[in-house]
């Protein structure tokens, strides 16, 4: 049986944690885009020369951004759960049974 060294295992966990951070940051960006698009819709509501198709298109795009943010956060949480399962507890690593 091939086992992974503690150093390689820690590096893998660190990579997962970094990726989780990037997913969360991307989710925050997507939420920001959704807010900006909704603000644009609000601005267009007071503009009589705005095309009729503009508001619904922006609302759909805002909803897509919000949905993407939720999915990115869900992926981050799934990776975090995976990282926790893969990373042994300190007691398990040292052999203590506390």
N, C-alpha and C. Protein backbone atom coordinates (compact mmCIF):
# COMPACT_ATOMS: atom_id res chain seq x y z
N UNK A 1 0.84 -1.17 0.00
CA UNK A 1 0.00 0.00 0.00
C UNK A 1 0.89 1.24 0.00
N UNK A 2 0.54 2.20 -0.83
CA UNK A 2 1.27 3.45 -0.91
C UNK A 2 0.58 4.47 -0.02
N UNK A 3 1.36 5.10 0.84
CA UNK A 3 0.80 6.14 1.70
C UNK A 3 1.42 7.47 1.34
N UNK A 4 0.65 8.49 1.55
CA UNK A 4 1.11 9.84 1.26
C UNK A 4 1.87 10.38 2.47
N UNK A 5 2.98 11.04 2.22
CA UNK A 5 3.74 11.61 3.33
C UNK A 5 2.94 12.72 3.99
N UNK A 6 3.27 13.00 5.24
CA UNK A 6 2.57 14.07 5.96
C UNK A 6 2.77 15.41 5.27
N UNK A 7 3.98 15.64 4.74
CA UNK A 7 4.26 16.90 4.05
C UNK A 7 3.41 17.03 2.78
N UNK A 8 3.33 15.96 2.00
CA UNK A 8 2.52 16.00 0.77
C UNK A 8 1.05 16.16 1.10
N UNK A 9 0.62 15.49 2.15
CA UNK A 9 -0.78 15.59 2.57
C UNK A 9 -1.11 17.01 3.01
N UNK A 10 -0.20 17.62 3.76
CA UNK A 10 -0.42 19.00 4.21
C UNK A 10 -0.43 19.96 3.03
N UNK A 11 0.46 19.72 2.06
CA UNK A 11 0.50 20.57 0.86
C UNK A 11 -0.80 20.45 0.09
N UNK A 12 -1.32 19.23 -0.02
CA UNK A 12 -2.59 19.02 -0.72
C UNK A 12 -3.72 19.75 0.01
N UNK A 13 -3.74 19.66 1.33
CA UNK A 13 -4.76 20.35 2.12
C UNK A 13 -4.64 21.87 1.95
N UNK A 14 -3.40 22.37 1.94
CA UNK A 14 -3.19 23.81 1.75
C UNK A 14 -3.68 24.26 0.37
N UNK A 15 -3.46 23.43 -0.65
CA UNK A 15 -3.96 23.75 -1.99
C UNK A 15 -5.47 23.80 -2.01
N UNK A 16 -6.10 22.83 -1.34
CA UNK A 16 -7.56 22.82 -1.26
C UNK A 16 -8.07 24.07 -0.55
N UNK A 17 -7.44 24.44 0.55
CA UNK A 17 -7.87 25.63 1.29
C UNK A 17 -7.70 26.89 0.45
N UNK A 18 -6.62 26.97 -0.32
CA UNK A 18 -6.42 28.12 -1.20
C UNK A 18 -7.50 28.17 -2.27
N UNK A 19 -7.83 27.01 -2.81
CA UNK A 19 -8.88 26.96 -3.83
C UNK A 19 -10.23 27.36 -3.24
N UNK A 20 -10.49 26.92 -2.03
CA UNK A 20 -11.73 27.29 -1.33
C UNK A 20 -11.80 28.81 -1.19
N UNK A 21 -10.70 29.41 -0.83
CA UNK A 21 -10.65 30.87 -0.71
C UNK A 21 -10.94 31.56 -2.03
N UNK A 22 -10.39 31.02 -3.11
CA UNK A 22 -10.64 31.61 -4.44
C UNK A 22 -12.11 31.45 -4.83
N UNK A 23 -12.70 30.30 -4.54
CA UNK A 23 -14.12 30.09 -4.85
C UNK A 23 -14.98 31.09 -4.08
N UNK A 24 -14.68 31.28 -2.82
CA UNK A 24 -15.44 32.24 -2.01
C UNK A 24 -15.27 33.66 -2.53
N UNK A 25 -14.06 34.01 -2.92
CA UNK A 25 -13.81 35.35 -3.47
C UNK A 25 -14.58 35.53 -4.77
N UNK A 26 -14.60 34.51 -5.61
CA UNK A 26 -15.37 34.59 -6.85
C UNK A 26 -16.86 34.72 -6.57
N UNK A 27 -17.34 34.03 -5.55
CA UNK A 27 -18.75 34.14 -5.18
C UNK A 27 -19.07 35.57 -4.75
N UNK A 28 -18.18 36.16 -3.98
CA UNK A 28 -18.38 37.56 -3.57
C UNK A 28 -18.41 38.49 -4.78
N UNK A 29 -17.53 38.24 -5.74
CA UNK A 29 -17.54 39.05 -6.98
C UNK A 29 -18.87 38.91 -7.71
N UNK A 30 -19.34 37.68 -7.83
CA UNK A 30 -20.61 37.46 -8.54
C UNK A 30 -21.77 38.14 -7.82
N UNK A 31 -21.77 38.10 -6.49
CA UNK A 31 -22.80 38.83 -5.73
C UNK A 31 -22.71 40.33 -6.02
N UNK A 32 -21.49 40.85 -6.10
CA UNK A 32 -21.30 42.26 -6.42
C UNK A 32 -21.82 42.60 -7.81
N UNK A 33 -21.56 41.72 -8.76
CA UNK A 33 -22.06 41.95 -10.12
C UNK A 33 -23.58 41.95 -10.13
N UNK A 34 -24.18 41.03 -9.38
CA UNK A 34 -25.65 40.97 -9.32
C UNK A 34 -26.21 42.27 -8.74
N UNK A 35 -25.57 42.78 -7.68
CA UNK A 35 -26.03 44.04 -7.08
C UNK A 35 -25.92 45.20 -8.07
N UNK A 36 -24.81 45.25 -8.79
CA UNK A 36 -24.62 46.33 -9.76
C UNK A 36 -25.64 46.24 -10.89
N UNK A 37 -25.92 45.04 -11.34
CA UNK A 37 -26.91 44.88 -12.40
C UNK A 37 -28.30 45.29 -11.91
N UNK A 38 -28.64 44.91 -10.68
CA UNK A 38 -29.94 45.31 -10.13
C UNK A 38 -30.02 46.83 -9.97
N UNK A 39 -28.93 47.45 -9.58
CA UNK A 39 -28.90 48.91 -9.46
C UNK A 39 -29.09 49.56 -10.83
N UNK A 40 -28.53 48.96 -11.85
CA UNK A 40 -28.71 49.47 -13.21
C UNK A 40 -30.17 49.35 -13.63
N UNK A 41 -30.81 48.24 -13.26
CA UNK A 41 -32.24 48.07 -13.56
C UNK A 41 -33.05 49.17 -12.89
N UNK A 42 -32.72 49.46 -11.63
CA UNK A 42 -33.42 50.52 -10.90
C UNK A 42 -33.23 51.86 -11.59
N UNK A 43 -32.00 52.12 -12.04
CA UNK A 43 -31.72 53.37 -12.75
C UNK A 43 -32.51 53.44 -14.04
N UNK A 44 -32.59 52.33 -14.75
CA UNK A 44 -33.33 52.32 -16.02
C UNK A 44 -34.83 52.47 -15.83
N UNK A 45 -35.32 52.10 -14.66
CA UNK A 45 -36.76 52.27 -14.40
C UNK A 45 -37.18 53.73 -14.54
N UNK A 46 -36.29 54.65 -14.26
CA UNK A 46 -36.62 56.07 -14.37
C UNK A 46 -36.21 56.68 -15.70
N UNK A 47 -35.80 55.85 -16.64
CA UNK A 47 -35.33 56.36 -17.92
C UNK A 47 -36.30 55.96 -19.04
N UNK A 48 -37.07 56.91 -19.54
CA UNK A 48 -38.08 56.59 -20.56
C UNK A 48 -37.47 56.16 -21.90
N UNK A 49 -36.23 56.48 -22.15
CA UNK A 49 -35.62 56.12 -23.43
C UNK A 49 -34.91 54.76 -23.40
N UNK A 50 -34.90 54.11 -22.24
CA UNK A 50 -34.26 52.79 -22.14
C UNK A 50 -35.07 51.78 -22.95
N UNK A 51 -34.39 50.89 -23.67
CA UNK A 51 -35.12 49.90 -24.46
C UNK A 51 -35.92 48.95 -23.55
N UNK A 52 -37.04 48.49 -24.04
CA UNK A 52 -37.91 47.61 -23.25
C UNK A 52 -37.20 46.31 -22.87
N UNK A 53 -36.38 45.82 -23.73
CA UNK A 53 -35.71 44.55 -23.48
C UNK A 53 -34.58 44.66 -22.47
N UNK A 54 -34.15 45.88 -22.18
CA UNK A 54 -32.98 46.09 -21.32
C UNK A 54 -33.18 45.61 -19.90
N UNK A 55 -34.27 46.02 -19.29
CA UNK A 55 -34.50 45.65 -17.89
C UNK A 55 -34.63 44.15 -17.70
N UNK A 56 -35.47 43.46 -18.49
CA UNK A 56 -35.57 42.01 -18.30
C UNK A 56 -34.24 41.29 -18.54
N UNK A 57 -33.47 41.75 -19.51
CA UNK A 57 -32.18 41.12 -19.79
C UNK A 57 -31.23 41.31 -18.61
N UNK A 58 -31.20 42.51 -18.04
CA UNK A 58 -30.35 42.77 -16.88
C UNK A 58 -30.81 41.99 -15.65
N UNK A 59 -32.11 41.86 -15.48
CA UNK A 59 -32.65 41.09 -14.35
C UNK A 59 -32.27 39.61 -14.49
N UNK A 60 -32.34 39.08 -15.71
CA UNK A 60 -31.93 37.69 -15.93
C UNK A 60 -30.45 37.51 -15.63
N UNK A 61 -29.65 38.46 -16.07
CA UNK A 61 -28.21 38.37 -15.84
C UNK A 61 -27.90 38.49 -14.34
N UNK A 62 -28.60 39.36 -13.64
CA UNK A 62 -28.41 39.49 -12.20
C UNK A 62 -28.77 38.19 -11.49
N UNK A 63 -29.86 37.57 -11.92
CA UNK A 63 -30.26 36.28 -11.33
C UNK A 63 -29.21 35.20 -11.61
N UNK A 64 -28.66 35.21 -12.81
CA UNK A 64 -27.62 34.24 -13.15
C UNK A 64 -26.37 34.45 -12.29
N UNK A 65 -26.01 35.70 -12.06
CA UNK A 65 -24.85 36.00 -11.21
C UNK A 65 -25.10 35.54 -9.78
N UNK A 66 -26.30 35.80 -9.26
CA UNK A 66 -26.64 35.38 -7.90
C UNK A 66 -26.63 33.85 -7.79
N UNK A 67 -27.14 33.19 -8.81
CA UNK A 67 -27.14 31.73 -8.84
C UNK A 67 -25.71 31.19 -8.88
N UNK A 68 -24.87 31.81 -9.68
CA UNK A 68 -23.47 31.39 -9.75
C UNK A 68 -22.78 31.57 -8.40
N UNK A 69 -23.10 32.64 -7.70
CA UNK A 69 -22.51 32.87 -6.37
C UNK A 69 -22.89 31.76 -5.41
N UNK A 70 -24.15 31.36 -5.44
CA UNK A 70 -24.62 30.27 -4.57
C UNK A 70 -23.88 28.98 -4.92
N UNK A 71 -23.74 28.71 -6.21
CA UNK A 71 -23.07 27.47 -6.63
C UNK A 71 -21.59 27.49 -6.25
N UNK A 72 -20.95 28.64 -6.38
CA UNK A 72 -19.54 28.74 -5.99
C UNK A 72 -19.38 28.52 -4.49
N UNK A 73 -20.27 29.07 -3.70
CA UNK A 73 -20.20 28.86 -2.24
C UNK A 73 -20.47 27.39 -1.89
N UNK A 74 -21.40 26.78 -2.60
CA UNK A 74 -21.70 25.36 -2.36
C UNK A 74 -20.47 24.51 -2.69
N UNK A 75 -19.81 24.83 -3.79
CA UNK A 75 -18.59 24.10 -4.16
C UNK A 75 -17.50 24.30 -3.11
N UNK A 76 -17.37 25.53 -2.61
CA UNK A 76 -16.36 25.80 -1.58
C UNK A 76 -16.65 24.99 -0.32
N UNK A 77 -17.91 24.93 0.08
CA UNK A 77 -18.27 24.16 1.28
C UNK A 77 -18.03 22.67 1.08
N UNK A 78 -18.31 22.16 -0.13
CA UNK A 78 -18.06 20.75 -0.41
C UNK A 78 -16.56 20.45 -0.35
N UNK A 79 -15.75 21.34 -0.90
CA UNK A 79 -14.30 21.15 -0.83
C UNK A 79 -13.80 21.23 0.61
N UNK A 80 -14.38 22.13 1.38
CA UNK A 80 -13.99 22.26 2.78
C UNK A 80 -14.31 20.96 3.53
N UNK A 81 -15.48 20.41 3.29
CA UNK A 81 -15.84 19.13 3.92
C UNK A 81 -14.87 18.04 3.49
N UNK A 82 -14.50 18.03 2.22
CA UNK A 82 -13.53 17.06 1.70
C UNK A 82 -12.17 17.25 2.37
N UNK A 83 -11.75 18.48 2.53
CA UNK A 83 -10.46 18.76 3.17
C UNK A 83 -10.46 18.30 4.61
N UNK A 84 -11.59 18.46 5.29
CA UNK A 84 -11.68 18.02 6.69
C UNK A 84 -11.61 16.50 6.80
N UNK A 85 -12.24 15.81 5.86
CA UNK A 85 -12.22 14.34 5.86
C UNK A 85 -10.82 13.84 5.57
N UNK A 86 -10.12 14.48 4.63
CA UNK A 86 -8.78 14.05 4.25
C UNK A 86 -7.72 14.37 5.28
N UNK A 87 -7.94 15.40 6.07
CA UNK A 87 -6.91 15.83 7.02
C UNK A 87 -7.15 15.13 8.36
N UNK A 88 -6.24 14.28 8.78
CA UNK A 88 -6.43 13.60 10.07
C UNK A 88 -6.34 14.60 11.21
N UNK A 89 -6.99 14.24 12.30
CA UNK A 89 -6.93 15.10 13.48
C UNK A 89 -5.55 14.97 14.11
N UNK A 90 -5.19 15.90 14.95
CA UNK A 90 -3.88 15.87 15.59
C UNK A 90 -3.70 14.61 16.42
N UNK A 91 -4.73 14.22 17.14
CA UNK A 91 -4.64 13.02 17.97
C UNK A 91 -4.37 11.78 17.13
N UNK A 92 -5.01 11.70 15.98
CA UNK A 92 -4.81 10.56 15.11
C UNK A 92 -3.40 10.54 14.54
N UNK A 93 -2.84 11.74 14.29
CA UNK A 93 -1.51 11.81 13.73
C UNK A 93 -0.45 11.42 14.76
N UNK A 94 -0.67 11.79 15.99
CA UNK A 94 0.34 11.52 17.01
C UNK A 94 0.15 10.17 17.67
N UNK A 95 -1.00 9.55 17.40
CA UNK A 95 -1.25 8.23 17.95
C UNK A 95 -1.91 8.27 19.31
N UNK A 96 -2.20 9.45 19.84
CA UNK A 96 -2.87 9.52 21.14
C UNK A 96 -4.34 9.24 20.98
N UNK A 97 -4.99 8.81 22.05
CA UNK A 97 -6.41 8.46 21.97
C UNK A 97 -7.22 9.35 22.87
N UNK A 98 -6.97 10.63 22.86
CA UNK A 98 -7.68 11.57 23.72
C UNK A 98 -8.95 12.00 23.16
